[in-house]
């Protein structure tokens, strides 16, 4: 499941973007040189693309959904603060019923 998500998300990104596994079931995507207004557009494309993926499990196909939190770097911010803000947005998405995108990039 994690490999299918990573492969799918990776196909939605530019060569300059980075994707990495951040925790057990969490990934972190870095979109350098991306305008604030474009962050949620990219995240929305990722969300929609992942919804189209099915994974074969025990002879059947299981759909995948994800919850996304997005944010942008603030001047002089450390990585811990940046990730904590993105994580908080992701948990808002999960609490809203999963398979959603929450972010402070509007």
PDB file of N, CA and C in Angstrom:
ATOM      1  N   UNK A   1       0.823  -1.182   0.000  1.00  0.00           N
ATOM      2  CA  UNK A   1       0.000   0.000   0.000  1.00  0.00           C
ATOM      3  C   UNK A   1       0.876   1.259   0.000  1.00  0.00           C
ATOM      4  N   UNK A   2       1.879   1.270   0.884  1.00  0.00           N
ATOM      5  CA  UNK A   2       2.757   2.437   0.960  1.00  0.00           C
ATOM      6  C   UNK A   2       3.523   2.650  -0.343  1.00  0.00           C
ATOM      7  N   UNK A   3       3.962   1.571  -0.948  1.00  0.00           N
ATOM      8  CA  UNK A   3       4.680   1.684  -2.224  1.00  0.00           C
ATOM      9  C   UNK A   3       3.759   2.235  -3.307  1.00  0.00           C
ATOM     10  N   UNK A   4       2.521   1.782  -3.343  1.00  0.00           N
ATOM     11  CA  UNK A   4       1.568   2.287  -4.341  1.00  0.00           C
ATOM     12  C   UNK A   4       1.323   3.776  -4.148  1.00  0.00           C
ATOM     13  N   UNK A   5       1.201   4.207  -2.909  1.00  0.00           N
ATOM     14  CA  UNK A   5       1.007   5.634  -2.632  1.00  0.00           C
ATOM     15  C   UNK A   5       2.240   6.423  -3.053  1.00  0.00           C
ATOM     16  N   UNK A   6       3.413   5.962  -2.670  1.00  0.00           N
ATOM     17  CA  UNK A   6       4.650   6.676  -3.016  1.00  0.00           C
ATOM     18  C   UNK A   6       4.814   6.771  -4.528  1.00  0.00           C
ATOM     19  N   UNK A   7       4.574   5.686  -5.235  1.00  0.00           N
ATOM     20  CA  UNK A   7       4.702   5.704  -6.699  1.00  0.00           C
ATOM     21  C   UNK A   7       3.711   6.668  -7.325  1.00  0.00           C
ATOM     22  N   UNK A   8       2.490   6.659  -6.832  1.00  0.00           N
ATOM     23  CA  UNK A   8       1.443   7.522  -7.387  1.00  0.00           C
ATOM     24  C   UNK A   8       1.734   8.988  -7.106  1.00  0.00           C
ATOM     25  N   UNK A   9       2.074   9.298  -5.878  1.00  0.00           N
ATOM     26  CA  UNK A   9       2.395  10.682  -5.528  1.00  0.00           C
ATOM     27  C   UNK A   9       3.601  11.152  -6.332  1.00  0.00           C
ATOM     28  N   UNK A  10       4.606  10.311  -6.443  1.00  0.00           N
ATOM     29  CA  UNK A  10       5.809  10.667  -7.184  1.00  0.00           C
ATOM     30  C   UNK A  10       5.525  11.051  -8.620  1.00  0.00           C
ATOM     31  N   UNK A  11       4.552  10.404  -9.240  1.00  0.00           N
ATOM     32  CA  UNK A  11       4.182  10.721 -10.630  1.00  0.00           C
ATOM     33  C   UNK A  11       3.506  12.079 -10.752  1.00  0.00           C
ATOM     34  N   UNK A  12       3.004  12.618  -9.658  1.00  0.00           N
ATOM     35  CA  UNK A  12       2.334  13.926  -9.671  1.00  0.00           C
ATOM     36  C   UNK A  12       3.303  15.089  -9.473  1.00  0.00           C
ATOM     37  N   UNK A  13       4.541  14.791  -9.200  1.00  0.00           N
ATOM     38  CA  UNK A  13       5.496  15.824  -8.822  1.00  0.00           C
ATOM     39  C   UNK A  13       6.455  16.171  -9.958  1.00  0.00           C
ATOM     40  N   UNK A  14       7.057  17.332  -9.841  1.00  0.00           N
ATOM     41  CA  UNK A  14       8.074  17.782 -10.788  1.00  0.00           C
ATOM     42  C   UNK A  14       9.418  17.155 -10.416  1.00  0.00           C
ATOM     43  N   UNK A  15      10.366  17.142 -11.345  1.00  0.00           N
ATOM     44  CA  UNK A  15      11.694  16.601 -11.027  1.00  0.00           C
ATOM     45  C   UNK A  15      12.388  17.335  -9.878  1.00  0.00           C
ATOM     46  N   UNK A  16      12.052  18.590  -9.659  1.00  0.00           N
ATOM     47  CA  UNK A  16      12.677  19.366  -8.586  1.00  0.00           C
ATOM     48  C   UNK A  16      12.035  19.144  -7.221  1.00  0.00           C
ATOM     49  N   UNK A  17      10.876  18.488  -7.179  1.00  0.00           N
ATOM     50  CA  UNK A  17      10.179  18.224  -5.922  1.00  0.00           C
ATOM     51  C   UNK A  17      10.780  16.996  -5.237  1.00  0.00           C
ATOM     52  N   UNK A  18      10.527  16.860  -3.958  1.00  0.00           N
ATOM     53  CA  UNK A  18      11.038  15.711  -3.198  1.00  0.00           C
ATOM     54  C   UNK A  18       9.907  15.037  -2.441  1.00  0.00           C
ATOM     55  N   UNK A  19       9.958  13.728  -2.399  1.00  0.00           N
ATOM     56  CA  UNK A  19       8.988  12.913  -1.673  1.00  0.00           C
ATOM     57  C   UNK A  19       9.751  11.968  -0.771  1.00  0.00           C
ATOM     58  N   UNK A  20       9.342  11.903   0.489  1.00  0.00           N
ATOM     59  CA  UNK A  20       9.982  10.975   1.415  1.00  0.00           C
ATOM     60  C   UNK A  20       9.001  10.467   2.439  1.00  0.00           C
ATOM     61  N   UNK A  21       9.280   9.297   2.950  1.00  0.00           N
ATOM     62  CA  UNK A  21       8.454   8.737   4.023  1.00  0.00           C
ATOM     63  C   UNK A  21       8.891   9.400   5.319  1.00  0.00           C
ATOM     64  N   UNK A  22       7.942   9.967   6.041  1.00  0.00           N
ATOM     65  CA  UNK A  22       8.248  10.746   7.237  1.00  0.00           C
ATOM     66  C   UNK A  22       7.985   9.962   8.507  1.00  0.00           C
ATOM     67  N   UNK A  23       7.039   9.073   8.464  1.00  0.00           N
ATOM     68  CA  UNK A  23       6.694   8.280   9.631  1.00  0.00           C
ATOM     69  C   UNK A  23       6.135   6.957   9.171  1.00  0.00           C
ATOM     70  N   UNK A  24       5.478   6.252  10.046  1.00  0.00           N
ATOM     71  CA  UNK A  24       4.925   4.950   9.715  1.00  0.00           C
ATOM     72  C   UNK A  24       4.085   4.960   8.459  1.00  0.00           C
ATOM     73  N   UNK A  25       3.098   5.829   8.422  1.00  0.00           N
ATOM     74  CA  UNK A  25       2.203   5.920   7.271  1.00  0.00           C
ATOM     75  C   UNK A  25       2.143   7.343   6.731  1.00  0.00           C
ATOM     76  N   UNK A  26       3.147   8.121   7.015  1.00  0.00           N
ATOM     77  CA  UNK A  26       3.134   9.519   6.604  1.00  0.00           C
ATOM     78  C   UNK A  26       4.256   9.801   5.609  1.00  0.00           C
ATOM     79  N   UNK A  27       3.940  10.660   4.670  1.00  0.00           N
ATOM     80  CA  UNK A  27       4.916  11.103   3.686  1.00  0.00           C
ATOM     81  C   UNK A  27       5.038  12.616   3.773  1.00  0.00           C
ATOM     82  N   UNK A  28       6.179  13.108   3.353  1.00  0.00           N
ATOM     83  CA  UNK A  28       6.425  14.539   3.314  1.00  0.00           C
ATOM     84  C   UNK A  28       6.817  14.887   1.876  1.00  0.00           C
ATOM     85  N   UNK A  29       6.173  15.909   1.333  1.00  0.00           N
ATOM     86  CA  UNK A  29       6.488  16.369  -0.016  1.00  0.00           C
ATOM     87  C   UNK A  29       7.003  17.796   0.087  1.00  0.00           C
ATOM     88  N   UNK A  30       8.136  18.048  -0.528  1.00  0.00           N
ATOM     89  CA  UNK A  30       8.697  19.391  -0.582  1.00  0.00           C
ATOM     90  C   UNK A  30       8.556  19.912  -2.007  1.00  0.00           C
ATOM     91  N   UNK A  31       7.978  21.097  -2.127  1.00  0.00           N
ATOM     92  CA  UNK A  31       7.745  21.720  -3.433  1.00  0.00           C
ATOM     93  C   UNK A  31       8.538  23.031  -3.489  1.00  0.00           C
ATOM     94  N   UNK A  32       9.834  22.959  -3.773  1.00  0.00           N
ATOM     95  CA  UNK A  32      10.631  24.191  -3.782  1.00  0.00           C
ATOM     96  C   UNK A  32      10.187  25.149  -4.870  1.00  0.00           C
ATOM     97  N   UNK A  33      10.340  26.428  -4.591  1.00  0.00           N
ATOM     98  CA  UNK A  33      10.016  27.474  -5.572  1.00  0.00           C
ATOM     99  C   UNK A  33       8.585  27.367  -6.083  1.00  0.00           C
ATOM    100  N   UNK A  34       7.657  27.089  -5.179  1.00  0.00           N
ATOM    101  CA  UNK A  34       6.244  26.968  -5.531  1.00  0.00           C
ATOM    102  C   UNK A  34       5.487  28.110  -4.880  1.00  0.00           C
ATOM    103  N   UNK A  35       4.716  28.811  -5.672  1.00  0.00           N
ATOM    104  CA  UNK A  35       3.896  29.907  -5.148  1.00  0.00           C
ATOM    105  C   UNK A  35       2.846  29.345  -4.196  1.00  0.00           C
ATOM    106  N   UNK A  36       2.528  30.132  -3.173  1.00  0.00           N
ATOM    107  CA  UNK A  36       1.502  29.746  -2.190  1.00  0.00           C
ATOM    108  C   UNK A  36       0.223  29.270  -2.862  1.00  0.00           C
ATOM    109  N   UNK A  37      -0.226  30.002  -3.865  1.00  0.00           N
ATOM    110  CA  UNK A  37      -1.486  29.680  -4.538  1.00  0.00           C
ATOM    111  C   UNK A  37      -1.432  28.335  -5.266  1.00  0.00           C
ATOM    112  N   UNK A  38      -0.239  27.839  -5.563  1.00  0.00           N
ATOM    113  CA  UNK A  38      -0.109  26.590  -6.305  1.00  0.00           C
ATOM    114  C   UNK A  38       0.028  25.355  -5.423  1.00  0.00           C
ATOM    115  N   UNK A  39       0.328  25.552  -4.145  1.00  0.00           N
ATOM    116  CA  UNK A  39       0.550  24.416  -3.249  1.00  0.00           C
ATOM    117  C   UNK A  39      -0.696  23.534  -3.157  1.00  0.00           C
ATOM    118  N   UNK A  40      -1.853  24.127  -2.868  1.00  0.00           N
ATOM    119  CA  UNK A  40      -3.068  23.319  -2.743  1.00  0.00           C
ATOM    120  C   UNK A  40      -3.527  22.768  -4.091  1.00  0.00           C
ATOM    121  N   UNK A  41      -3.181  23.431  -5.185  1.00  0.00           N
ATOM    122  CA  UNK A  41      -3.499  22.890  -6.511  1.00  0.00           C
ATOM    123  C   UNK A  41      -2.731  21.584  -6.729  1.00  0.00           C
ATOM    124  N   UNK A  42      -1.455  21.578  -6.386  1.00  0.00           N
ATOM    125  CA  UNK A  42      -0.644  20.371  -6.504  1.00  0.00           C
ATOM    126  C   UNK A  42      -1.174  19.294  -5.547  1.00  0.00           C
ATOM    127  N   UNK A  43      -1.452  19.683  -4.313  1.00  0.00           N
ATOM    128  CA  UNK A  43      -1.965  18.720  -3.326  1.00  0.00           C
ATOM    129  C   UNK A  43      -3.305  18.139  -3.774  1.00  0.00           C
ATOM    130  N   UNK A  44      -4.158  18.974  -4.345  1.00  0.00           N
ATOM    131  CA  UNK A  44      -5.439  18.483  -4.854  1.00  0.00           C
ATOM    132  C   UNK A  44      -5.258  17.481  -5.974  1.00  0.00           C
ATOM    133  N   UNK A  45      -4.278  17.730  -6.853  1.00  0.00           N
ATOM    134  CA  UNK A  45      -3.990  16.786  -7.942  1.00  0.00           C
ATOM    135  C   UNK A  45      -3.506  15.456  -7.368  1.00  0.00           C
ATOM    136  N   UNK A  46      -2.683  15.512  -6.329  1.00  0.00           N
ATOM    137  CA  UNK A  46      -2.214  14.289  -5.674  1.00  0.00           C
ATOM    138  C   UNK A  46      -3.396  13.526  -5.093  1.00  0.00           C
ATOM    139  N   UNK A  47      -4.266  14.223  -4.379  1.00  0.00           N
ATOM    140  CA  UNK A  47      -5.438  13.599  -3.762  1.00  0.00           C
ATOM    141  C   UNK A  47      -6.300  12.900  -4.805  1.00  0.00           C
ATOM    142  N   UNK A  48      -6.591  13.582  -5.891  1.00  0.00           N
ATOM    143  CA  UNK A  48      -7.436  13.016  -6.958  1.00  0.00           C
ATOM    144  C   UNK A  48      -6.761  11.825  -7.633  1.00  0.00           C
ATOM    145  N   UNK A  49      -5.467  11.919  -7.863  1.00  0.00           N
ATOM    146  CA  UNK A  49      -4.755  10.831  -8.538  1.00  0.00           C
ATOM    147  C   UNK A  49      -4.704   9.584  -7.671  1.00  0.00           C
ATOM    148  N   UNK A  50      -4.450   9.751  -6.382  1.00  0.00           N
ATOM    149  CA  UNK A  50      -4.400   8.592  -5.480  1.00  0.00           C
ATOM    150  C   UNK A  50      -5.754   7.891  -5.441  1.00  0.00           C
ATOM    151  N   UNK A  51      -6.832   8.629  -5.538  1.00  0.00           N
ATOM    152  CA  UNK A  51      -8.178   8.019  -5.531  1.00  0.00           C
ATOM    153  C   UNK A  51      -8.399   7.061  -6.701  1.00  0.00           C
ATOM    154  N   UNK A  52      -7.634   7.207  -7.763  1.00  0.00           N
ATOM    155  CA  UNK A  52      -7.822   6.361  -8.952  1.00  0.00           C
ATOM    156  C   UNK A  52      -7.052   5.052  -8.872  1.00  0.00           C
ATOM    157  N   UNK A  53      -6.240   4.892  -7.836  1.00  0.00           N
ATOM    158  CA  UNK A  53      -5.360   3.733  -7.725  1.00  0.00           C
ATOM    159  C   UNK A  53      -6.045   2.602  -6.960  1.00  0.00           C
ATOM    160  N   UNK A  54      -5.867   1.415  -7.465  1.00  0.00           N
ATOM    161  CA  UNK A  54      -6.331   0.223  -6.763  1.00  0.00           C
ATOM    162  C   UNK A  54      -5.154  -0.696  -6.505  1.00  0.00           C
ATOM    163  N   UNK A  55      -5.156  -1.356  -5.378  1.00  0.00           N
ATOM    164  CA  UNK A  55      -4.082  -2.281  -5.021  1.00  0.00           C
ATOM    165  C   UNK A  55      -4.675  -3.667  -4.888  1.00  0.00           C
ATOM    166  N   UNK A  56      -4.026  -4.647  -5.497  1.00  0.00           N
ATOM    167  CA  UNK A  56      -4.489  -6.035  -5.400  1.00  0.00           C
ATOM    168  C   UNK A  56      -4.182  -6.589  -4.020  1.00  0.00           C
ATOM    169  N   UNK A  57      -5.236  -7.051  -3.343  1.00  0.00           N
ATOM    170  CA  UNK A  57      -5.109  -7.630  -2.009  1.00  0.00           C
ATOM    171  C   UNK A  57      -5.972  -8.881  -1.953  1.00  0.00           C
ATOM    172  N   UNK A  58      -5.352 -10.016  -1.717  1.00  0.00           N
ATOM    173  CA  UNK A  58      -6.074 -11.282  -1.573  1.00  0.00           C
ATOM    174  C   UNK A  58      -7.057 -11.530  -2.709  1.00  0.00           C
ATOM    175  N   UNK A  59      -6.637 -11.296  -3.930  1.00  0.00           N
ATOM    176  CA  UNK A  59      -7.467 -11.572  -5.095  1.00  0.00           C
ATOM    177  C   UNK A  59      -8.487 -10.497  -5.416  1.00  0.00           C
ATOM    178  N   UNK A  60      -8.536  -9.430  -4.655  1.00  0.00           N
ATOM    179  CA  UNK A  60      -9.447  -8.332  -4.922  1.00  0.00           C
ATOM    180  C   UNK A  60      -8.680  -7.026  -5.026  1.00  0.00           C
ATOM    181  N   UNK A  61      -9.378  -5.990  -5.404  1.00  0.00           N
ATOM    182  CA  UNK A  61      -8.754  -4.676  -5.523  1.00  0.00           C
ATOM    183  C   UNK A  61      -9.283  -3.763  -4.433  1.00  0.00           C
ATOM    184  N   UNK A  62      -8.358  -3.107  -3.763  1.00  0.00           N
ATOM    185  CA  UNK A  62      -8.698  -2.185  -2.687  1.00  0.00           C
ATOM    186  C   UNK A  62      -8.322  -0.776  -3.131  1.00  0.00           C
ATOM    187  N   UNK A  63      -9.259   0.155  -2.967  1.00  0.00           N
ATOM    188  CA  UNK A  63      -8.983   1.540  -3.294  1.00  0.00           C
ATOM    189  C   UNK A  63      -8.155   2.209  -2.215  1.00  0.00           C
ATOM    190  N   UNK A  64      -7.523   3.299  -2.589  1.00  0.00           N
ATOM    191  CA  UNK A  64      -6.676   4.033  -1.656  1.00  0.00           C
ATOM    192  C   UNK A  64      -7.209   5.452  -1.515  1.00  0.00           C
ATOM    193  N   UNK A  65      -7.212   5.936  -0.295  1.00  0.00           N
ATOM    194  CA  UNK A  65      -7.472   7.354  -0.047  1.00  0.00           C
ATOM    195  C   UNK A  65      -6.403   7.864   0.898  1.00  0.00           C
ATOM    196  N   UNK A  66      -6.196   9.173   0.873  1.00  0.00           N
ATOM    197  CA  UNK A  66      -5.218   9.784   1.761  1.00  0.00           C
ATOM    198  C   UNK A  66      -5.790  11.076   2.331  1.00  0.00           C
ATOM    199  N   UNK A  67      -5.208  11.508   3.408  1.00  0.00           N
ATOM    200  CA  UNK A  67      -5.529  12.806   3.995  1.00  0.00           C
ATOM    201  C   UNK A  67      -4.279  13.660   3.881  1.00  0.00           C
ATOM    202  N   UNK A  68      -4.453  14.905   3.430  1.00  0.00           N
ATOM    203  CA  UNK A  68      -3.313  15.784   3.198  1.00  0.00           C
ATOM    204  C   UNK A  68      -3.404  17.057   4.021  1.00  0.00           C
ATOM    205  N   UNK A  69      -2.257  17.489   4.500  1.00  0.00           N
ATOM    206  CA  UNK A  69      -2.144  18.788   5.141  1.00  0.00           C
ATOM    207  C   UNK A  69      -1.060  19.564   4.427  1.00  0.00           C
ATOM    208  N   UNK A  70      -1.338  20.810   4.099  1.00  0.00           N
ATOM    209  CA  UNK A  70      -0.335  21.603   3.385  1.00  0.00           C
ATOM    210  C   UNK A  70      -0.064  22.914   4.106  1.00  0.00           C
ATOM    211  N   UNK A  71       1.132  23.390   3.916  1.00  0.00           N
ATOM    212  CA  UNK A  71       1.545  24.673   4.460  1.00  0.00           C
ATOM    213  C   UNK A  71       2.751  25.154   3.671  1.00  0.00           C
ATOM    214  N   UNK A  72       3.151  26.384   3.904  1.00  0.00           N
ATOM    215  CA  UNK A  72       4.345  26.919   3.251  1.00  0.00           C
ATOM    216  C   UNK A  72       5.327  27.421   4.298  1.00  0.00           C
ATOM    217  N   UNK A  73       6.551  27.452   3.902  1.00  0.00           N
ATOM    218  CA  UNK A  73       7.641  27.896   4.776  1.00  0.00           C
ATOM    219  C   UNK A  73       7.488  29.371   5.124  1.00  0.00           C
ATOM    220  N   UNK A  74       7.726  29.668   6.376  1.00  0.00           N
ATOM    221  CA  UNK A  74       7.738  31.053   6.854  1.00  0.00           C
ATOM    222  C   UNK A  74       9.190  31.467   7.081  1.00  0.00           C
ATOM    223  N   UNK A  75       9.536  32.697   6.756  1.00  0.00           N
ATOM    224  CA  UNK A  75      10.920  33.140   6.950  1.00  0.00           C
ATOM    225  C   UNK A  75      11.432  32.840   8.362  1.00  0.00           C
ATOM    226  N   UNK A  76      12.631  32.324   8.423  1.00  0.00           N
ATOM    227  CA  UNK A  76      13.334  31.995   9.670  1.00  0.00           C
ATOM    228  C   UNK A  76      12.686  30.848  10.449  1.00  0.00           C
ATOM    229  N   UNK A  77      11.806  30.099   9.817  1.00  0.00           N
ATOM    230  CA  UNK A  77      11.145  28.971  10.489  1.00  0.00           C
ATOM    231  C   UNK A  77      12.048  27.741  10.449  1.00  0.00           C
ATOM    232  N   UNK A  78      12.049  26.972  11.532  1.00  0.00           N
ATOM    233  CA  UNK A  78      12.816  25.734  11.500  1.00  0.00           C
ATOM    234  C   UNK A  78      11.934  24.603  10.971  1.00  0.00           C
ATOM    235  N   UNK A  79      12.573  23.527  10.577  1.00  0.00           N
ATOM    236  CA  UNK A  79      11.864  22.405   9.946  1.00  0.00           C
ATOM    237  C   UNK A  79      10.838  21.793  10.895  1.00  0.00           C
ATOM    238  N   UNK A  80      11.125  21.745  12.178  1.00  0.00           N
ATOM    239  CA  UNK A  80      10.184  21.163  13.141  1.00  0.00           C
ATOM    240  C   UNK A  80       8.876  21.929  13.164  1.00  0.00           C
ATOM    241  N   UNK A  81       8.941  23.231  13.153  1.00  0.00           N
ATOM    242  CA  UNK A  81       7.737  24.055  13.157  1.00  0.00           C
ATOM    243  C   UNK A  81       6.951  23.899  11.859  1.00  0.00           C
ATOM    244  N   UNK A  82       7.661  23.884  10.746  1.00  0.00           N
ATOM    245  CA  UNK A  82       7.016  23.712   9.438  1.00  0.00           C
ATOM    246  C   UNK A  82       6.271  22.386   9.371  1.00  0.00           C
ATOM    247  N   UNK A  83       6.930  21.321   9.755  1.00  0.00           N
ATOM    248  CA  UNK A  83       6.301  19.992   9.711  1.00  0.00           C
ATOM    249  C   UNK A  83       5.147  19.916  10.712  1.00  0.00           C
ATOM    250  N   UNK A  84       5.284  20.512  11.879  1.00  0.00           N
ATOM    251  CA  UNK A  84       4.205  20.499  12.876  1.00  0.00           C
ATOM    252  C   UNK A  84       2.955  21.189  12.330  1.00  0.00           C
ATOM    253  N   UNK A  85       3.132  22.299  11.615  1.00  0.00           N
ATOM    254  CA  UNK A  85       1.972  22.988  11.042  1.00  0.00           C
ATOM    255  C   UNK A  85       1.320  22.148   9.943  1.00  0.00           C
ATOM    256  N   UNK A  86       2.117  21.501   9.102  1.00  0.00           N
ATOM    257  CA  UNK A  86       1.560  20.626   8.058  1.00  0.00           C
ATOM    258  C   UNK A  86       0.847  19.435   8.695  1.00  0.00           C
ATOM    259  N   UNK A  87       1.436  18.889   9.742  1.00  0.00           N
ATOM    260  CA  UNK A  87       0.847  17.756  10.455  1.00  0.00           C
ATOM    261  C   UNK A  87      -0.495  18.137  11.068  1.00  0.00           C
ATOM    262  N   UNK A  88      -0.580  19.328  11.644  1.00  0.00           N
ATOM    263  CA  UNK A  88      -1.846  19.796  12.228  1.00  0.00           C
ATOM    264  C   UNK A  88      -2.926  19.901  11.157  1.00  0.00           C
ATOM    265  N   UNK A  89      -2.552  20.373   9.972  1.00  0.00           N
ATOM    266  CA  UNK A  89      -3.519  20.468   8.874  1.00  0.00           C
ATOM    267  C   UNK A  89      -3.962  19.075   8.424  1.00  0.00           C
ATOM    268  N   UNK A  90      -3.029  18.124   8.388  1.00  0.00           N
ATOM    269  CA  UNK A  90      -3.377  16.758   8.003  1.00  0.00           C
ATOM    270  C   UNK A  90      -4.361  16.145   8.999  1.00  0.00           C
ATOM    271  N   UNK A  91      -4.144  16.388  10.277  1.00  0.00           N
ATOM    272  CA  UNK A  91      -5.066  15.845  11.279  1.00  0.00           C
ATOM    273  C   UNK A  91      -6.450  16.490  11.176  1.00  0.00           C
ATOM    274  N   UNK A  92      -6.518  17.741  10.774  1.00  0.00           N
ATOM    275  CA  UNK A  92      -7.821  18.367  10.505  1.00  0.00           C
ATOM    276  C   UNK A  92      -8.526  17.625   9.378  1.00  0.00           C
ATOM    277  N   UNK A  93      -7.775  17.259   8.354  1.00  0.00           N
ATOM    278  CA  UNK A  93      -8.356  16.513   7.221  1.00  0.00           C
ATOM    279  C   UNK A  93      -8.866  15.155   7.680  1.00  0.00           C
ATOM    280  N   UNK A  94      -8.104  14.469   8.506  1.00  0.00           N
ATOM    281  CA  UNK A  94      -8.536  13.163   9.020  1.00  0.00           C
ATOM    282  C   UNK A  94      -9.798  13.301   9.866  1.00  0.00           C
ATOM    283  N   UNK A  95      -9.829  14.309  10.722  1.00  0.00           N
ATOM    284  CA  UNK A  95     -10.987  14.508  11.593  1.00  0.00           C
ATOM    285  C   UNK A  95     -12.226  14.919  10.807  1.00  0.00           C
ATOM    286  N   UNK A  96     -12.028  15.487   9.638  1.00  0.00           N
ATOM    287  CA  UNK A  96     -13.160  15.907   8.796  1.00  0.00           C
ATOM    288  C   UNK A  96     -13.721  14.752   7.975  1.00  0.00           C
ATOM    289  N   UNK A  97     -13.188  13.561   8.163  1.00  0.00           N
ATOM    290  CA  UNK A  97     -13.724  12.398   7.467  1.00  0.00           C
ATOM    291  C   UNK A  97     -12.747  11.723   6.546  1.00  0.00           C
ATOM    292  N   UNK A  98     -11.489  12.079   6.610  1.00  0.00           N
ATOM    293  CA  UNK A  98     -10.430  11.480   5.796  1.00  0.00           C
ATOM    294  C   UNK A  98     -10.639  11.791   4.321  1.00  0.00           C
ATOM    295  N   UNK A  99      -9.680  11.379   3.494  1.00  0.00           N
ATOM    296  CA  UNK A  99      -9.729  11.597   2.044  1.00  0.00           C
ATOM    297  C   UNK A  99      -9.972  13.069   1.717  1.00  0.00           C
ATOM    298  N   UNK A 100      -9.307  13.946   2.444  1.00  0.00           N
ATOM    299  CA  UNK A 100      -9.502  15.384   2.283  1.00  0.00           C
ATOM    300  C   UNK A 100      -8.157  16.095   2.300  1.00  0.00           C
ATOM    301  N   UNK A 101      -8.199  17.365   1.939  1.00  0.00           N
ATOM    302  CA  UNK A 101      -7.052  18.241   1.969  1.00  0.00           C
ATOM    303  C   UNK A 101      -7.377  19.440   2.834  1.00  0.00           C
ATOM    304  N   UNK A 102      -6.530  19.695   3.815  1.00  0.00           N
ATOM    305  CA  UNK A 102      -6.626  20.915   4.607  1.00  0.00           C
ATOM    306  C   UNK A 102      -5.277  21.607   4.506  1.00  0.00           C
ATOM    307  N   UNK A 103      -5.307  22.918   4.422  1.00  0.00           N
ATOM    308  CA  UNK A 103      -4.051  23.640   4.361  1.00  0.00           C
ATOM    309  C   UNK A 103      -4.239  25.121   4.627  1.00  0.00           C
ATOM    310  N   UNK A 104      -3.141  25.746   4.963  1.00  0.00           N
ATOM    311  CA  UNK A 104      -3.191  27.185   5.215  1.00  0.00           C
ATOM    312  C   UNK A 104      -2.563  27.951   4.054  1.00  0.00           C
ATOM    313  N   UNK A 105      -2.717  27.430   2.859  1.00  0.00           N
ATOM    314  CA  UNK A 105      -2.089  28.026   1.676  1.00  0.00           C
ATOM    315  C   UNK A 105      -3.070  28.792   0.806  1.00  0.00           C
ATOM    316  N   UNK A 106      -4.273  28.985   1.260  1.00  0.00           N
ATOM    317  CA  UNK A 106      -5.272  29.679   0.437  1.00  0.00           C
ATOM    318  C   UNK A 106      -4.998  31.161   0.352  1.00  0.00           C
TER     319      UNK A 106
END
